[in-house]
Amino acid sequence: MIKCVNMGKKKSETKLCPWSDCTNPAIISPRFGVLPCDKHQRENVQVGRGYQFATLTQSARINQERDEFGADLLQPWEPDGITPNREFLMHYPERAADYFDGDDIKDI
């Protein structure tokens, strides 16, 4: 980072720290533009929120939704690509004709 230094410029042309009531020179970054002075950057300022862990009620809700909507993720075929998925057929019997022939379903 490059510090803004008064090189023959008038004092009013020097960029100042964007914090209110601060007269220290700002730090000029080619990527981020005008940044606070060294003093304010060294201060431990927390930005945003701290960590938030899932509570018991949140995890219970997630488990309930997983049980309720888990069938939406079922694939019609087993991973081998040959065998029809029994769970898919149990949950979606009306869609069996879209994916399987009569011979495929006989064995199940």
PDB file of N, CA and C in Angstrom:
ATOM      1  N   MET A   1       0.826  -1.171   0.000  1.00  0.00           N
ATOM      2  CA  MET A   1       0.000   0.000   0.000  1.00  0.00           C
ATOM      3  C   MET A   1       0.879   1.246   0.000  1.00  0.00           C
ATOM      4  N   ILE A   2       0.369   2.274  -0.561  1.00  0.00           N
ATOM      5  CA  ILE A   2       1.109   3.515  -0.695  1.00  0.00           C
ATOM      6  C   ILE A   2       0.476   4.558   0.213  1.00  0.00           C
ATOM      7  N   LYS A   3       1.315   5.208   0.996  1.00  0.00           N
ATOM      8  CA  LYS A   3       0.794   6.285   1.835  1.00  0.00           C
ATOM      9  C   LYS A   3       0.703   7.553   1.007  1.00  0.00           C
ATOM     10  N   CYS A   4      -0.321   8.299   1.251  1.00  0.00           N
ATOM     11  CA  CYS A   4      -0.503   9.570   0.581  1.00  0.00           C
ATOM     12  C   CYS A   4       0.409  10.591   1.268  1.00  0.00           C
ATOM     13  N   VAL A   5       1.368  11.079   0.539  1.00  0.00           N
ATOM     14  CA  VAL A   5       2.328  12.022   1.095  1.00  0.00           C
ATOM     15  C   VAL A   5       2.149  13.348   0.375  1.00  0.00           C
ATOM     16  N   ASN A   6       2.313  14.419   1.103  1.00  0.00           N
ATOM     17  CA  ASN A   6       2.144  15.748   0.542  1.00  0.00           C
ATOM     18  C   ASN A   6       3.405  16.122  -0.221  1.00  0.00           C
ATOM     19  N   MET A   7       3.453  15.827  -1.522  1.00  0.00           N
ATOM     20  CA  MET A   7       4.621  16.117  -2.353  1.00  0.00           C
ATOM     21  C   MET A   7       4.387  17.412  -3.119  1.00  0.00           C
ATOM     22  N   GLY A   8       4.619  18.506  -2.505  1.00  0.00           N
ATOM     23  CA  GLY A   8       4.477  19.788  -3.162  1.00  0.00           C
ATOM     24  C   GLY A   8       3.030  20.195  -3.392  1.00  0.00           C
ATOM     25  N   LYS A   9       2.094  19.437  -2.877  1.00  0.00           N
ATOM     26  CA  LYS A   9       0.687  19.772  -3.052  1.00  0.00           C
ATOM     27  C   LYS A   9       0.231  20.622  -1.883  1.00  0.00           C
ATOM     28  N   LYS A  10      -0.835  21.314  -2.102  1.00  0.00           N
ATOM     29  CA  LYS A  10      -1.418  22.055  -1.003  1.00  0.00           C
ATOM     30  C   LYS A  10      -1.977  21.070   0.004  1.00  0.00           C
ATOM     31  N   LYS A  11      -2.058  21.474   1.240  1.00  0.00           N
ATOM     32  CA  LYS A  11      -2.540  20.605   2.293  1.00  0.00           C
ATOM     33  C   LYS A  11      -3.965  20.129   2.035  1.00  0.00           C
ATOM     34  N   SER A  12      -4.773  20.935   1.391  1.00  0.00           N
ATOM     35  CA  SER A  12      -6.160  20.567   1.147  1.00  0.00           C
ATOM     36  C   SER A  12      -6.271  19.450   0.109  1.00  0.00           C
ATOM     37  N   GLU A  13      -5.229  19.239  -0.734  1.00  0.00           N
ATOM     38  CA  GLU A  13      -5.261  18.199  -1.754  1.00  0.00           C
ATOM     39  C   GLU A  13      -4.882  16.838  -1.196  1.00  0.00           C
ATOM     40  N   THR A  14      -4.302  16.776  -0.018  1.00  0.00           N
ATOM     41  CA  THR A  14      -3.920  15.513   0.589  1.00  0.00           C
ATOM     42  C   THR A  14      -5.172  14.793   1.062  1.00  0.00           C
ATOM     43  N   LYS A  15      -5.277  13.527   0.700  1.00  0.00           N
ATOM     44  CA  LYS A  15      -6.431  12.744   1.130  1.00  0.00           C
ATOM     45  C   LYS A  15      -6.302  12.442   2.615  1.00  0.00           C
ATOM     46  N   LEU A  16      -7.369  12.679   3.337  1.00  0.00           N
ATOM     47  CA  LEU A  16      -7.380  12.416   4.766  1.00  0.00           C
ATOM     48  C   LEU A  16      -8.132  11.124   5.046  1.00  0.00           C
ATOM     49  N   CYS A  17      -7.891  10.600   6.212  1.00  0.00           N
ATOM     50  CA  CYS A  17      -8.548   9.378   6.664  1.00  0.00           C
ATOM     51  C   CYS A  17     -10.070   9.567   6.592  1.00  0.00           C
ATOM     52  N   PRO A  18     -10.795   8.561   6.057  1.00  0.00           N
ATOM     53  CA  PRO A  18     -12.246   8.711   5.933  1.00  0.00           C
ATOM     54  C   PRO A  18     -13.009   8.664   7.253  1.00  0.00           C
ATOM     55  N   TRP A  19     -12.342   8.309   8.362  1.00  0.00           N
ATOM     56  CA  TRP A  19     -13.020   8.316   9.650  1.00  0.00           C
ATOM     57  C   TRP A  19     -13.295   9.757  10.043  1.00  0.00           C
ATOM     58  N   SER A  20     -14.431   9.979  10.677  1.00  0.00           N
ATOM     59  CA  SER A  20     -14.775  11.345  11.066  1.00  0.00           C
ATOM     60  C   SER A  20     -13.816  11.835  12.151  1.00  0.00           C
ATOM     61  N   ASP A  21     -13.495  13.114  12.114  1.00  0.00           N
ATOM     62  CA  ASP A  21     -12.627  13.777  13.081  1.00  0.00           C
ATOM     63  C   ASP A  21     -11.208  13.234  13.093  1.00  0.00           C
ATOM     64  N   CYS A  22     -10.729  12.659  11.990  1.00  0.00           N
ATOM     65  CA  CYS A  22      -9.354  12.177  11.912  1.00  0.00           C
ATOM     66  C   CYS A  22      -8.613  13.020  10.882  1.00  0.00           C
ATOM     67  N   THR A  23      -7.448  13.539  11.281  1.00  0.00           N
ATOM     68  CA  THR A  23      -6.668  14.398  10.377  1.00  0.00           C
ATOM     69  C   THR A  23      -5.420  13.696   9.865  1.00  0.00           C
ATOM     70  N   ASN A  24      -5.279  12.424  10.107  1.00  0.00           N
ATOM     71  CA  ASN A  24      -4.123  11.674   9.609  1.00  0.00           C
ATOM     72  C   ASN A  24      -4.267  11.434   8.116  1.00  0.00           C
ATOM     73  N   PRO A  25      -3.132  11.288   7.399  1.00  0.00           N
ATOM     74  CA  PRO A  25      -3.233  11.021   5.966  1.00  0.00           C
ATOM     75  C   PRO A  25      -3.793   9.622   5.713  1.00  0.00           C
ATOM     76  N   ALA A  26      -4.571   9.519   4.667  1.00  0.00           N
ATOM     77  CA  ALA A  26      -5.176   8.233   4.310  1.00  0.00           C
ATOM     78  C   ALA A  26      -4.154   7.357   3.599  1.00  0.00           C
ATOM     79  N   ILE A  27      -4.461   6.107   3.502  1.00  0.00           N
ATOM     80  CA  ILE A  27      -3.655   5.186   2.712  1.00  0.00           C
ATOM     81  C   ILE A  27      -4.380   5.001   1.388  1.00  0.00           C
ATOM     82  N   ILE A  28      -3.644   5.196   0.302  1.00  0.00           N
ATOM     83  CA  ILE A  28      -4.228   5.095  -1.030  1.00  0.00           C
ATOM     84  C   ILE A  28      -3.823   3.740  -1.616  1.00  0.00           C
ATOM     85  N   SER A  29      -4.811   2.940  -1.937  1.00  0.00           N
ATOM     86  CA  SER A  29      -4.573   1.629  -2.532  1.00  0.00           C
ATOM     87  C   SER A  29      -5.002   1.683  -3.997  1.00  0.00           C
ATOM     88  N   PRO A  30      -4.176   1.152  -4.906  1.00  0.00           N
ATOM     89  CA  PRO A  30      -4.584   1.153  -6.306  1.00  0.00           C
ATOM     90  C   PRO A  30      -5.837   0.313  -6.545  1.00  0.00           C
ATOM     91  N   ARG A  31      -6.035  -0.697  -5.725  1.00  0.00           N
ATOM     92  CA  ARG A  31      -7.188  -1.575  -5.901  1.00  0.00           C
ATOM     93  C   ARG A  31      -8.419  -1.083  -5.151  1.00  0.00           C
ATOM     94  N   PHE A  32      -8.243  -0.639  -3.890  1.00  0.00           N
ATOM     95  CA  PHE A  32      -9.379  -0.304  -3.038  1.00  0.00           C
ATOM     96  C   PHE A  32      -9.621   1.192  -2.875  1.00  0.00           C
ATOM     97  N   GLY A  33      -8.730   2.029  -3.362  1.00  0.00           N
ATOM     98  CA  GLY A  33      -8.920   3.470  -3.261  1.00  0.00           C
ATOM     99  C   GLY A  33      -8.468   4.015  -1.917  1.00  0.00           C
ATOM    100  N   VAL A  34      -9.212   4.934  -1.363  1.00  0.00           N
ATOM    101  CA  VAL A  34      -8.857   5.592  -0.099  1.00  0.00           C
ATOM    102  C   VAL A  34      -9.227   4.684   1.064  1.00  0.00           C
ATOM    103  N   LEU A  35      -8.228   4.368   1.903  1.00  0.00           N
ATOM    104  CA  LEU A  35      -8.426   3.518   3.076  1.00  0.00           C
ATOM    105  C   LEU A  35      -8.128   4.312   4.338  1.00  0.00           C
ATOM    106  N   PRO A  36      -8.618   3.873   5.495  1.00  0.00           N
ATOM    107  CA  PRO A  36      -8.322   4.577   6.748  1.00  0.00           C
ATOM    108  C   PRO A  36      -6.828   4.598   7.044  1.00  0.00           C
ATOM    109  N   CYS A  37      -6.431   5.522   7.890  1.00  0.00           N
ATOM    110  CA  CYS A  37      -5.023   5.659   8.266  1.00  0.00           C
ATOM    111  C   CYS A  37      -4.548   4.436   9.046  1.00  0.00           C
ATOM    112  N   ASP A  38      -3.225   4.368   9.298  1.00  0.00           N
ATOM    113  CA  ASP A  38      -2.646   3.230  10.020  1.00  0.00           C
ATOM    114  C   ASP A  38      -3.278   3.048  11.391  1.00  0.00           C
ATOM    115  N   LYS A  39      -3.514   4.150  12.088  1.00  0.00           N
ATOM    116  CA  LYS A  39      -4.073   4.083  13.439  1.00  0.00           C
ATOM    117  C   LYS A  39      -5.420   3.369  13.430  1.00  0.00           C
ATOM    118  N   HIS A  40      -6.299   3.748  12.512  1.00  0.00           N
ATOM    119  CA  HIS A  40      -7.631   3.156  12.483  1.00  0.00           C
ATOM    120  C   HIS A  40      -7.622   1.744  11.902  1.00  0.00           C
ATOM    121  N   GLN A  41      -6.652   1.426  11.054  1.00  0.00           N
ATOM    122  CA  GLN A  41      -6.573   0.054  10.553  1.00  0.00           C
ATOM    123  C   GLN A  41      -6.062  -0.902  11.627  1.00  0.00           C
ATOM    124  N   ARG A  42      -5.255  -0.398  12.546  1.00  0.00           N
ATOM    125  CA  ARG A  42      -4.742  -1.245  13.618  1.00  0.00           C
ATOM    126  C   ARG A  42      -5.775  -1.507  14.706  1.00  0.00           C
ATOM    127  N   GLU A  43      -6.774  -0.639  14.802  1.00  0.00           N
ATOM    128  CA  GLU A  43      -7.807  -0.848  15.810  1.00  0.00           C
ATOM    129  C   GLU A  43      -8.570  -2.128  15.503  1.00  0.00           C
ATOM    130  N   ASN A  44      -8.934  -2.805  16.529  1.00  0.00           N
ATOM    131  CA  ASN A  44      -9.665  -4.061  16.367  1.00  0.00           C
ATOM    132  C   ASN A  44     -11.146  -3.747  16.189  1.00  0.00           C
ATOM    133  N   VAL A  45     -11.546  -3.558  14.965  1.00  0.00           N
ATOM    134  CA  VAL A  45     -12.931  -3.245  14.655  1.00  0.00           C
ATOM    135  C   VAL A  45     -13.566  -4.501  14.079  1.00  0.00           C
ATOM    136  N   GLN A  46     -14.637  -4.971  14.698  1.00  0.00           N
ATOM    137  CA  GLN A  46     -15.323  -6.156  14.213  1.00  0.00           C
ATOM    138  C   GLN A  46     -16.311  -5.745  13.131  1.00  0.00           C
ATOM    139  N   VAL A  47     -16.168  -6.356  11.987  1.00  0.00           N
ATOM    140  CA  VAL A  47     -17.066  -6.088  10.875  1.00  0.00           C
ATOM    141  C   VAL A  47     -17.982  -7.285  10.725  1.00  0.00           C
ATOM    142  N   GLY A  48     -19.262  -7.054  10.649  1.00  0.00           N
ATOM    143  CA  GLY A  48     -20.217  -8.141  10.475  1.00  0.00           C
ATOM    144  C   GLY A  48     -20.549  -8.815  11.789  1.00  0.00           C
ATOM    145  N   ARG A  49     -21.119 -10.006  11.673  1.00  0.00           N
ATOM    146  CA  ARG A  49     -21.525 -10.748  12.865  1.00  0.00           C
ATOM    147  C   ARG A  49     -20.487 -11.800  13.201  1.00  0.00           C
ATOM    148  N   GLY A  50     -20.544 -12.271  14.402  1.00  0.00           N
ATOM    149  CA  GLY A  50     -19.680 -13.359  14.815  1.00  0.00           C
ATOM    150  C   GLY A  50     -20.207 -14.680  14.293  1.00  0.00           C
ATOM    151  N   TYR A  51     -19.622 -15.752  14.756  1.00  0.00           N
ATOM    152  CA  TYR A  51     -20.046 -17.074  14.315  1.00  0.00           C
ATOM    153  C   TYR A  51     -21.437 -17.391  14.848  1.00  0.00           C
ATOM    154  N   GLN A  52     -22.185 -18.127  14.071  1.00  0.00           N
ATOM    155  CA  GLN A  52     -23.514 -18.535  14.496  1.00  0.00           C
ATOM    156  C   GLN A  52     -23.642 -20.026  14.215  1.00  0.00           C
ATOM    157  N   PHE A  53     -23.830 -20.791  15.269  1.00  0.00           N
ATOM    158  CA  PHE A  53     -23.950 -22.225  15.130  1.00  0.00           C
ATOM    159  C   PHE A  53     -25.425 -22.614  15.104  1.00  0.00           C
ATOM    160  N   ALA A  54     -25.707 -23.729  14.454  1.00  0.00           N
ATOM    161  CA  ALA A  54     -27.084 -24.207  14.388  1.00  0.00           C
ATOM    162  C   ALA A  54     -27.549 -24.603  15.778  1.00  0.00           C
ATOM    163  N   THR A  55     -28.696 -24.137  16.157  1.00  0.00           N
ATOM    164  CA  THR A  55     -29.255 -24.498  17.451  1.00  0.00           C
ATOM    165  C   THR A  55     -30.033 -25.795  17.315  1.00  0.00           C
ATOM    166  N   LEU A  56     -30.501 -26.292  18.426  1.00  0.00           N
ATOM    167  CA  LEU A  56     -31.239 -27.550  18.422  1.00  0.00           C
ATOM    168  C   LEU A  56     -32.517 -27.426  17.597  1.00  0.00           C
ATOM    169  N   THR A  57     -33.185 -26.293  17.677  1.00  0.00           N
ATOM    170  CA  THR A  57     -34.426 -26.140  16.912  1.00  0.00           C
ATOM    171  C   THR A  57     -34.141 -26.053  15.417  1.00  0.00           C
ATOM    172  N   GLN A  58     -33.017 -25.434  15.046  1.00  0.00           N
ATOM    173  CA  GLN A  58     -32.665 -25.361  13.626  1.00  0.00           C
ATOM    174  C   GLN A  58     -32.321 -26.738  13.088  1.00  0.00           C
ATOM    175  N   SER A  59     -31.553 -27.523  13.845  1.00  0.00           N
ATOM    176  CA  SER A  59     -31.189 -28.847  13.364  1.00  0.00           C
ATOM    177  C   SER A  59     -32.414 -29.759  13.321  1.00  0.00           C
ATOM    178  N   ALA A  60     -33.352 -29.582  14.231  1.00  0.00           N
ATOM    179  CA  ALA A  60     -34.593 -30.371  14.196  1.00  0.00           C
ATOM    180  C   ALA A  60     -35.402 -30.018  12.952  1.00  0.00           C
ATOM    181  N   ARG A  61     -35.442 -28.750  12.609  1.00  0.00           N
ATOM    182  CA  ARG A  61     -36.157 -28.326  11.406  1.00  0.00           C
ATOM    183  C   ARG A  61     -35.496 -28.899  10.161  1.00  0.00           C
ATOM    184  N   ILE A  62     -34.187 -28.897  10.124  1.00  0.00           N
ATOM    185  CA  ILE A  62     -33.461 -29.440   8.975  1.00  0.00           C
ATOM    186  C   ILE A  62     -33.737 -30.936   8.833  1.00  0.00           C
ATOM    187  N   ASN A  63     -33.717 -31.658   9.954  1.00  0.00           N
ATOM    188  CA  ASN A  63     -34.010 -33.099   9.904  1.00  0.00           C
ATOM    189  C   ASN A  63     -35.440 -33.345   9.439  1.00  0.00           C
ATOM    190  N   GLN A  64     -36.377 -32.544   9.914  1.00  0.00           N
ATOM    191  CA  GLN A  64     -37.771 -32.705   9.514  1.00  0.00           C
ATOM    192  C   GLN A  64     -37.927 -32.461   8.011  1.00  0.00           C
ATOM    193  N   GLU A  65     -37.301 -31.406   7.494  1.00  0.00           N
ATOM    194  CA  GLU A  65     -37.406 -31.110   6.069  1.00  0.00           C
ATOM    195  C   GLU A  65     -36.695 -32.165   5.224  1.00  0.00           C
ATOM    196  N   ARG A  66     -35.598 -32.708   5.729  1.00  0.00           N
ATOM    197  CA  ARG A  66     -34.914 -33.763   5.001  1.00  0.00           C
ATOM    198  C   ARG A  66     -35.798 -34.995   4.898  1.00  0.00           C
ATOM    199  N   ASP A  67     -36.488 -35.335   5.987  1.00  0.00           N
ATOM    200  CA  ASP A  67     -37.407 -36.474   5.956  1.00  0.00           C
ATOM    201  C   ASP A  67     -38.599 -36.208   5.044  1.00  0.00           C
ATOM    202  N   GLU A  68     -39.100 -34.976   5.070  1.00  0.00           N
ATOM    203  CA  GLU A  68     -40.289 -34.625   4.301  1.00  0.00           C
ATOM    204  C   GLU A  68     -40.013 -34.527   2.798  1.00  0.00           C
ATOM    205  N   PHE A  69     -38.886 -33.931   2.431  1.00  0.00           N
ATOM    206  CA  PHE A  69     -38.608 -33.664   1.017  1.00  0.00           C
ATOM    207  C   PHE A  69     -37.463 -34.508   0.461  1.00  0.00           C
ATOM    208  N   GLY A  70     -36.991 -35.489   1.207  1.00  0.00           N
ATOM    209  CA  GLY A  70     -35.865 -36.306   0.753  1.00  0.00           C
ATOM    210  C   GLY A  70     -36.164 -37.085  -0.508  1.00  0.00           C
ATOM    211  N   ALA A  71     -37.416 -37.455  -0.720  1.00  0.00           N
ATOM    212  CA  ALA A  71     -37.784 -38.231  -1.904  1.00  0.00           C
ATOM    213  C   ALA A  71     -37.611 -37.412  -3.190  1.00  0.00           C
ATOM    214  N   ASP A  72     -37.571 -36.094  -3.082  1.00  0.00           N
ATOM    215  CA  ASP A  72     -37.376 -35.257  -4.270  1.00  0.00           C
ATOM    216  C   ASP A  72     -36.011 -35.484  -4.912  1.00  0.00           C
ATOM    217  N   LEU A  73     -35.069 -36.017  -4.153  1.00  0.00           N
ATOM    218  CA  LEU A  73     -33.715 -36.219  -4.660  1.00  0.00           C
ATOM    219  C   LEU A  73     -33.490 -37.614  -5.229  1.00  0.00           C
ATOM    220  N   LEU A  74     -34.485 -38.484  -5.135  1.00  0.00           N
ATOM    221  CA  LEU A  74     -34.312 -39.854  -5.615  1.00  0.00           C
ATOM    222  C   LEU A  74     -34.149 -39.892  -7.131  1.00  0.00           C
ATOM    223  N   GLN A  75     -33.248 -40.748  -7.578  1.00  0.00           N
ATOM    224  CA  GLN A  75     -33.012 -40.943  -8.999  1.00  0.00           C
ATOM    225  C   GLN A  75     -33.739 -42.199  -9.465  1.00  0.00           C
ATOM    226  N   PRO A  76     -34.177 -42.265 -10.715  1.00  0.00           N
ATOM    227  CA  PRO A  76     -34.933 -43.431 -11.169  1.00  0.00           C
ATOM    228  C   PRO A  76     -34.087 -44.698 -11.279  1.00  0.00           C
ATOM    229  N   TRP A  77     -32.799 -44.546 -11.491  1.00  0.00           N
ATOM    230  CA  TRP A  77     -31.931 -45.713 -11.652  1.00  0.00           C
ATOM    231  C   TRP A  77     -30.934 -45.800 -10.504  1.00  0.00           C
ATOM    232  N   GLU A  78     -30.510 -47.015 -10.187  1.00  0.00           N
ATOM    233  CA  GLU A  78     -29.433 -47.225  -9.222  1.00  0.00           C
ATOM    234  C   GLU A  78     -28.133 -46.704  -9.836  1.00  0.00           C
ATOM    235  N   PRO A  79     -27.077 -46.550  -9.038  1.00  0.00           N
ATOM    236  CA  PRO A  79     -25.822 -46.011  -9.590  1.00  0.00           C
ATOM    237  C   PRO A  79     -25.220 -46.854 -10.722  1.00  0.00           C
ATOM    238  N   ASP A  80     -25.558 -48.139 -10.797  1.00  0.00           N
ATOM    239  CA  ASP A  80     -24.994 -48.943 -11.887  1.00  0.00           C
ATOM    240  C   ASP A  80     -25.609 -48.591 -13.236  1.00  0.00           C
ATOM    241  N   GLY A  81     -26.747 -47.885 -13.241  1.00  0.00           N
ATOM    242  CA  GLY A  81     -27.386 -47.453 -14.472  1.00  0.00           C
ATOM    243  C   GLY A  81     -28.231 -48.517 -15.145  1.00  0.00           C
ATOM    244  N   ILE A  82     -28.312 -49.701 -14.545  1.00  0.00           N
ATOM    245  CA  ILE A  82     -29.054 -50.809 -15.146  1.00  0.00           C
ATOM    246  C   ILE A  82     -30.290 -51.160 -14.327  1.00  0.00           C
ATOM    247  N   THR A  83     -30.148 -51.129 -13.022  1.00  0.00           N
ATOM    248  CA  THR A  83     -31.205 -51.555 -12.116  1.00  0.00           C
ATOM    249  C   THR A  83     -32.112 -50.384 -11.754  1.00  0.00           C
ATOM    250  N   PRO A  84     -33.434 -50.564 -11.857  1.00  0.00           N
ATOM    251  CA  PRO A  84     -34.349 -49.504 -11.409  1.00  0.00           C
ATOM    252  C   PRO A  84     -34.274 -49.310  -9.889  1.00  0.00           C
ATOM    253  N   ASN A  85     -34.429 -48.099  -9.450  1.00  0.00           N
ATOM    254  CA  ASN A  85     -34.378 -47.771  -8.031  1.00  0.00           C
ATOM    255  C   ASN A  85     -35.744 -48.077  -7.398  1.00  0.00           C
ATOM    256  N   ARG A  86     -35.747 -48.992  -6.419  1.00  0.00           N
ATOM    257  CA  ARG A  86     -37.005 -49.403  -5.775  1.00  0.00           C
ATOM    258  C   ARG A  86     -37.666 -48.253  -5.025  1.00  0.00           C
ATOM    259  N   GLU A  87     -36.863 -47.456  -4.341  1.00  0.00           N
ATOM    260  CA  GLU A  87     -37.436 -46.330  -3.585  1.00  0.00           C
ATOM    261  C   GLU A  87     -38.124 -45.333  -4.524  1.00  0.00           C
ATOM    262  N   PHE A  88     -37.518 -45.095  -5.684  1.00  0.00           N
ATOM    263  CA  PHE A  88     -38.129 -44.188  -6.660  1.00  0.00           C
ATOM    264  C   PHE A  88     -39.489 -44.721  -7.087  1.00  0.00           C
ATOM    265  N   LEU A  89     -39.569 -46.022  -7.320  1.00  0.00           N
ATOM    266  CA  LEU A  89     -40.839 -46.624  -7.728  1.00  0.00           C
ATOM    267  C   LEU A  89     -41.885 -46.564  -6.623  1.00  0.00           C
ATOM    268  N   MET A  90     -41.447 -46.696  -5.358  1.00  0.00           N
ATOM    269  CA  MET A  90     -42.390 -46.616  -4.233  1.00  0.00           C
ATOM    270  C   MET A  90     -42.965 -45.204  -4.107  1.00  0.00           C
ATOM    271  N   HIS A  91     -42.121 -44.196  -4.276  1.00  0.00           N
ATOM    272  CA  HIS A  91     -42.556 -42.810  -4.085  1.00  0.00           C
ATOM    273  C   HIS A  91     -43.242 -42.225  -5.316  1.00  0.00           C
ATOM    274  N   TYR A  92     -42.846 -42.681  -6.510  1.00  0.00           N
ATOM    275  CA  TYR A  92     -43.388 -42.113  -7.740  1.00  0.00           C
ATOM    276  C   TYR A  92     -43.879 -43.217  -8.694  1.00  0.00           C
ATOM    277  N   PRO A  93     -44.894 -43.990  -8.327  1.00  0.00           N
ATOM    278  CA  PRO A  93     -45.372 -45.048  -9.224  1.00  0.00           C
ATOM    279  C   PRO A  93     -45.983 -44.484 -10.511  1.00  0.00           C
ATOM    280  N   GLU A  94     -46.523 -43.284 -10.453  1.00  0.00           N
ATOM    281  CA  GLU A  94     -47.132 -42.689 -11.644  1.00  0.00           C
ATOM    282  C   GLU A  94     -46.097 -42.295 -12.698  1.00  0.00           C
ATOM    283  N   ARG A  95     -44.839 -42.169 -12.305  1.00  0.00           N
ATOM    284  CA  ARG A  95     -43.789 -41.774 -13.247  1.00  0.00           C
ATOM    285  C   ARG A  95     -42.988 -42.956 -13.759  1.00  0.00           C
ATOM    286  N   ALA A  96     -43.347 -44.163 -13.334  1.00  0.00           N
ATOM    287  CA  ALA A  96     -42.595 -45.360 -13.730  1.00  0.00           C
ATOM    288  C   ALA A  96     -42.601 -45.544 -15.239  1.00  0.00           C
ATOM    289  N   ALA A  97     -43.716 -45.296 -15.884  1.00  0.00           N
ATOM    290  CA  ALA A  97     -43.813 -45.481 -17.334  1.00  0.00           C
ATOM    291  C   ALA A  97     -42.907 -44.514 -18.094  1.00  0.00           C
ATOM    292  N   ASP A  98     -42.565 -43.380 -17.493  1.00  0.00           N
ATOM    293  CA  ASP A  98     -41.677 -42.423 -18.155  1.00  0.00           C
ATOM    294  C   ASP A  98     -40.237 -42.929 -18.230  1.00  0.00           C
ATOM    295  N   TYR A  99     -39.858 -43.798 -17.287  1.00  0.00           N
ATOM    296  CA  TYR A  99     -38.463 -44.215 -17.189  1.00  0.00           C
ATOM    297  C   TYR A  99     -38.227 -45.694 -17.508  1.00  0.00           C
ATOM    298  N   PHE A 100     -39.219 -46.549 -17.264  1.00  0.00           N
ATOM    299  CA  PHE A 100     -38.983 -47.980 -17.339  1.00  0.00           C
ATOM    300  C   PHE A 100     -39.914 -48.662 -18.333  1.00  0.00           C
ATOM    301  N   ASP A 101     -39.432 -49.798 -18.871  1.00  0.00           N
ATOM    302  CA  ASP A 101     -40.278 -50.688 -19.668  1.00  0.00           C
ATOM    303  C   ASP A 101     -40.968 -51.649 -18.709  1.00  0.00           C
ATOM    304  N   GLY A 102     -41.928 -52.396 -19.206  1.00  0.00           N
ATOM    305  CA  GLY A 102     -42.599 -53.383 -18.377  1.00  0.00           C
ATOM    306  C   GLY A 102     -41.645 -54.469 -17.892  1.00  0.00           C
ATOM    307  N   ASP A 103     -40.639 -54.825 -18.706  1.00  0.00           N
ATOM    308  CA  ASP A 103     -39.684 -55.864 -18.307  1.00  0.00           C
ATOM    309  C   ASP A 103     -38.837 -55.428 -17.117  1.00  0.00           C
ATOM    310  N   ASP A 104     -38.498 -54.133 -17.057  1.00  0.00           N
ATOM    311  CA  ASP A 104     -37.670 -53.650 -15.955  1.00  0.00           C
ATOM    312  C   ASP A 104     -38.422 -53.721 -14.627  1.00  0.00           C
ATOM    313  N   ILE A 105     -39.715 -53.442 -14.636  1.00  0.00           N
ATOM    314  CA  ILE A 105     -40.491 -53.363 -13.408  1.00  0.00           C
ATOM    315  C   ILE A 105     -40.915 -54.754 -12.937  1.00  0.00           C
ATOM    316  N   LYS A 106     -40.997 -55.744 -13.849  1.00  0.00           N
ATOM    317  CA  LYS A 106     -41.437 -57.110 -13.462  1.00  0.00           C
ATOM    318  C   LYS A 106     -40.566 -57.687 -12.354  1.00  0.00           C
ATOM    319  N   ASP A 107     -39.270 -57.483 -12.476  1.00  0.00           N
ATOM    320  CA  ASP A 107     -38.335 -58.088 -11.524  1.00  0.00           C
ATOM    321  C   ASP A 107     -38.433 -57.455 -10.142  1.00  0.00           C
ATOM    322  N   ILE A 108     -38.952 -56.287 -10.073  1.00  0.00           N
ATOM    323  CA  ILE A 108     -39.053 -55.574  -8.780  1.00  0.00           C
ATOM    324  C   ILE A 108     -40.396 -55.840  -8.224  1.00  0.00           C
TER     325      ILE A 108
END
